[in-house]
Protein backbone atom coordinates (compact mmCIF):
# COMPACT_ATOMS: atom_id res chain seq x y z
CA MET A 1 -22.09 -91.37 -22.07
CA ILE A 2 -20.03 -92.76 -24.93
CA VAL A 3 -20.81 -89.68 -26.97
CA VAL A 4 -19.50 -87.40 -24.21
CA VAL A 5 -16.25 -89.41 -23.96
CA LEU A 6 -15.80 -89.38 -27.75
CA CYS A 7 -16.41 -85.63 -27.83
CA GLY A 8 -13.83 -85.11 -25.07
CA VAL A 9 -11.23 -87.27 -26.82
CA SER A 10 -11.82 -85.61 -30.18
CA LEU A 11 -11.57 -82.18 -28.55
CA ALA A 12 -8.25 -83.15 -26.90
CA LEU A 13 -6.90 -84.48 -30.21
CA LEU A 14 -8.00 -81.36 -32.03
CA SER A 15 -6.33 -79.07 -29.49
CA GLY A 16 -3.13 -81.15 -29.61
CA VAL A 17 -2.99 -81.00 -33.42
CA THR A 18 -3.68 -77.26 -33.32
CA CYS A 19 -0.83 -76.76 -30.84
CA LEU A 20 1.57 -78.73 -33.08
CA VAL A 21 0.54 -76.75 -36.16
CA VAL A 22 1.06 -73.44 -34.34
CA ARG A 23 4.53 -74.53 -33.17
CA ARG A 24 5.48 -75.64 -36.69
CA VAL A 25 4.34 -72.32 -38.19
CA ARG A 26 6.23 -70.32 -35.55
CA SER A 27 9.39 -72.33 -36.03
CA ARG A 28 9.29 -71.78 -39.79
CA ARG A 29 8.68 -68.10 -39.30
CA LEU A 30 11.67 -67.81 -36.95
CA GLY A 31 13.82 -69.95 -39.20
CA THR A 32 15.67 -73.01 -38.07
CA ILE A 33 17.15 -71.41 -34.95
CA PRO A 34 16.80 -73.82 -32.03
CA ASP A 35 15.78 -72.43 -28.66
CA SER A 36 19.16 -73.35 -27.17
CA ALA A 37 20.93 -71.05 -29.66
CA LEU A 38 19.02 -68.06 -28.29
CA GLU A 39 20.32 -68.57 -24.75
CA PRO A 40 23.43 -66.65 -23.65
CA ILE A 41 26.67 -68.62 -23.58
CA GLY A 42 28.33 -66.88 -20.66
CA PRO A 43 27.71 -64.22 -18.06
CA PRO A 44 26.55 -60.77 -19.18
CA ILE A 45 29.25 -58.40 -20.39
CA GLU A 46 28.37 -55.94 -17.62
CA GLU A 47 29.18 -58.56 -14.98
CA ILE A 48 32.43 -59.46 -16.73
CA ALA A 49 33.44 -55.79 -16.97
CA VAL A 50 32.77 -55.09 -13.28
CA SER A 51 34.72 -58.16 -12.24
CA LEU A 52 37.60 -57.31 -14.58
CA ARG A 53 37.81 -53.75 -13.24
CA GLN A 54 37.90 -55.02 -9.64
CA LEU A 55 40.56 -57.59 -10.48
CA LEU A 56 42.73 -54.98 -12.23
CA GLN A 57 42.50 -52.65 -9.23
CA ARG A 58 43.41 -55.49 -6.86
CA HIS A 59 46.35 -56.43 -9.10
CA ASP A 60 47.50 -52.81 -9.03
CA ARG A 61 47.37 -52.75 -5.20
CA TYR A 62 49.47 -55.92 -5.05
CA ALA A 63 51.92 -54.60 -7.65
CA ARG A 64 52.42 -51.39 -5.66
CA SER A 65 52.72 -53.23 -2.34
CA ASP A 66 56.01 -53.28 -0.47
CA ASP A 67 55.31 -56.81 0.78
CA ARG A 68 57.36 -59.02 -1.56
CA VAL A 69 55.88 -62.27 -0.22
CA LEU A 70 52.35 -61.03 -0.86
CA ARG A 71 53.25 -60.04 -4.42
CA LEU A 72 54.90 -63.36 -5.22
CA ARG A 73 52.08 -65.41 -3.75
CA ARG A 74 49.10 -63.50 -5.12
CA MET A 75 50.17 -61.99 -8.44
CA SER A 76 50.38 -65.15 -10.54
CA GLU A 77 46.99 -66.51 -9.44
CA LEU A 78 45.41 -63.08 -9.83
CA GLU A 79 46.82 -62.73 -13.35
CA LEU A 80 45.35 -66.13 -14.19
CA VAL A 81 41.88 -64.96 -13.13
CA ILE A 82 42.34 -61.71 -15.05
CA HIS A 83 43.31 -63.74 -18.14
CA LEU A 84 40.15 -65.84 -17.84
CA ARG A 85 37.90 -62.81 -17.41
CA ALA A 86 39.60 -60.98 -20.28
CA ASP A 87 39.07 -64.03 -22.50
CA GLN A 88 35.37 -64.04 -21.56
CA ALA A 89 35.11 -60.34 -22.39
CA ALA A 90 36.89 -60.87 -25.71
CA ARG A 91 34.46 -63.62 -26.67
CA ALA A 92 31.47 -61.51 -25.62
CA LEU A 93 32.70 -58.48 -27.60
CA GLU A 94 33.97 -60.64 -30.48
CA VAL A 95 37.51 -59.29 -30.11
CA PRO A 96 39.93 -61.61 -31.91
CA HIS A 97 42.46 -63.16 -29.59
CA PRO A 98 44.46 -66.36 -29.58
CA ALA A 99 43.00 -69.12 -27.46
CA ARG A 100 45.22 -69.97 -24.51
CA GLN A 101 44.88 -73.15 -22.51
CA MET A 102 47.48 -72.52 -19.83
CA TYR A 103 48.90 -69.21 -18.65
CA ASP A 104 52.19 -68.41 -17.00
CA GLU A 105 54.21 -65.35 -16.05
CA ARG A 106 55.48 -64.88 -19.63
CA ASP A 107 51.92 -64.21 -20.81
CA THR A 108 51.77 -60.81 -19.11
CA GLU A 109 52.49 -59.09 -22.43
CA HIS A 110 49.72 -61.10 -24.10
CA LEU A 111 47.37 -60.07 -21.30
CA ARG A 112 48.35 -56.41 -21.67
CA LEU A 113 47.68 -56.51 -25.43
CA LEU A 114 44.35 -58.23 -24.86
CA LEU A 115 43.32 -55.58 -22.33
CA PHE A 116 44.21 -52.80 -24.79
CA ALA A 117 42.17 -54.56 -27.49
CA LEU A 118 39.20 -54.73 -25.11
CA VAL A 119 39.49 -51.00 -24.38
CA ALA A 120 39.66 -50.32 -28.13
CA ALA A 121 36.46 -52.38 -28.53
CA GLY A 122 34.67 -50.12 -26.04
CA LEU A 123 35.08 -51.88 -22.70
CA VAL A 124 35.75 -49.35 -19.93
CA LEU A 125 38.76 -50.41 -17.86
CA PRO A 126 40.94 -48.43 -15.45
CA THR A 127 43.98 -47.20 -17.38
CA ALA A 128 45.95 -46.01 -14.35
CA VAL A 129 46.82 -49.55 -13.21
CA ALA A 130 50.08 -51.45 -13.58
CA LEU A 131 48.84 -53.85 -16.27
CA MET A 132 47.53 -51.00 -18.41
CA ALA A 133 50.69 -48.87 -18.18
CA PRO A 134 52.13 -48.38 -21.69
CA ASP A 135 55.60 -49.61 -20.81
CA GLY A 136 54.44 -52.26 -18.35
CA ARG A 137 55.68 -50.23 -15.41
CA PHE A 138 53.87 -47.93 -13.05
């Protein structure tokens, strides 16, 4: 009986040591990259691009609207969301851009330049919208 227990304990210890050795060898082979570094930081670029395209089209509809109250109420908050998504896309595509903490109406030119930089980096965005117009008008 004691022999069976000792064999079971030694087998468990041996398998535990083997598992540790295998992990150590794998970690050295992969380098010193921790598992957390291999996980994505944000949403996939495809999801960001789809969302950014939808937001730009919505912004264009509001910009072309005759309803002044709707434009005043919705445009600033929509531009804030577009800024945040464009920043996410710039980080994902490694497009250099200045970090902004707070956005206001004066940052529309910064947003326009960032959108053009994203297009130059290969992100497909609608170019026939108000924010992507070369002179800022539509």
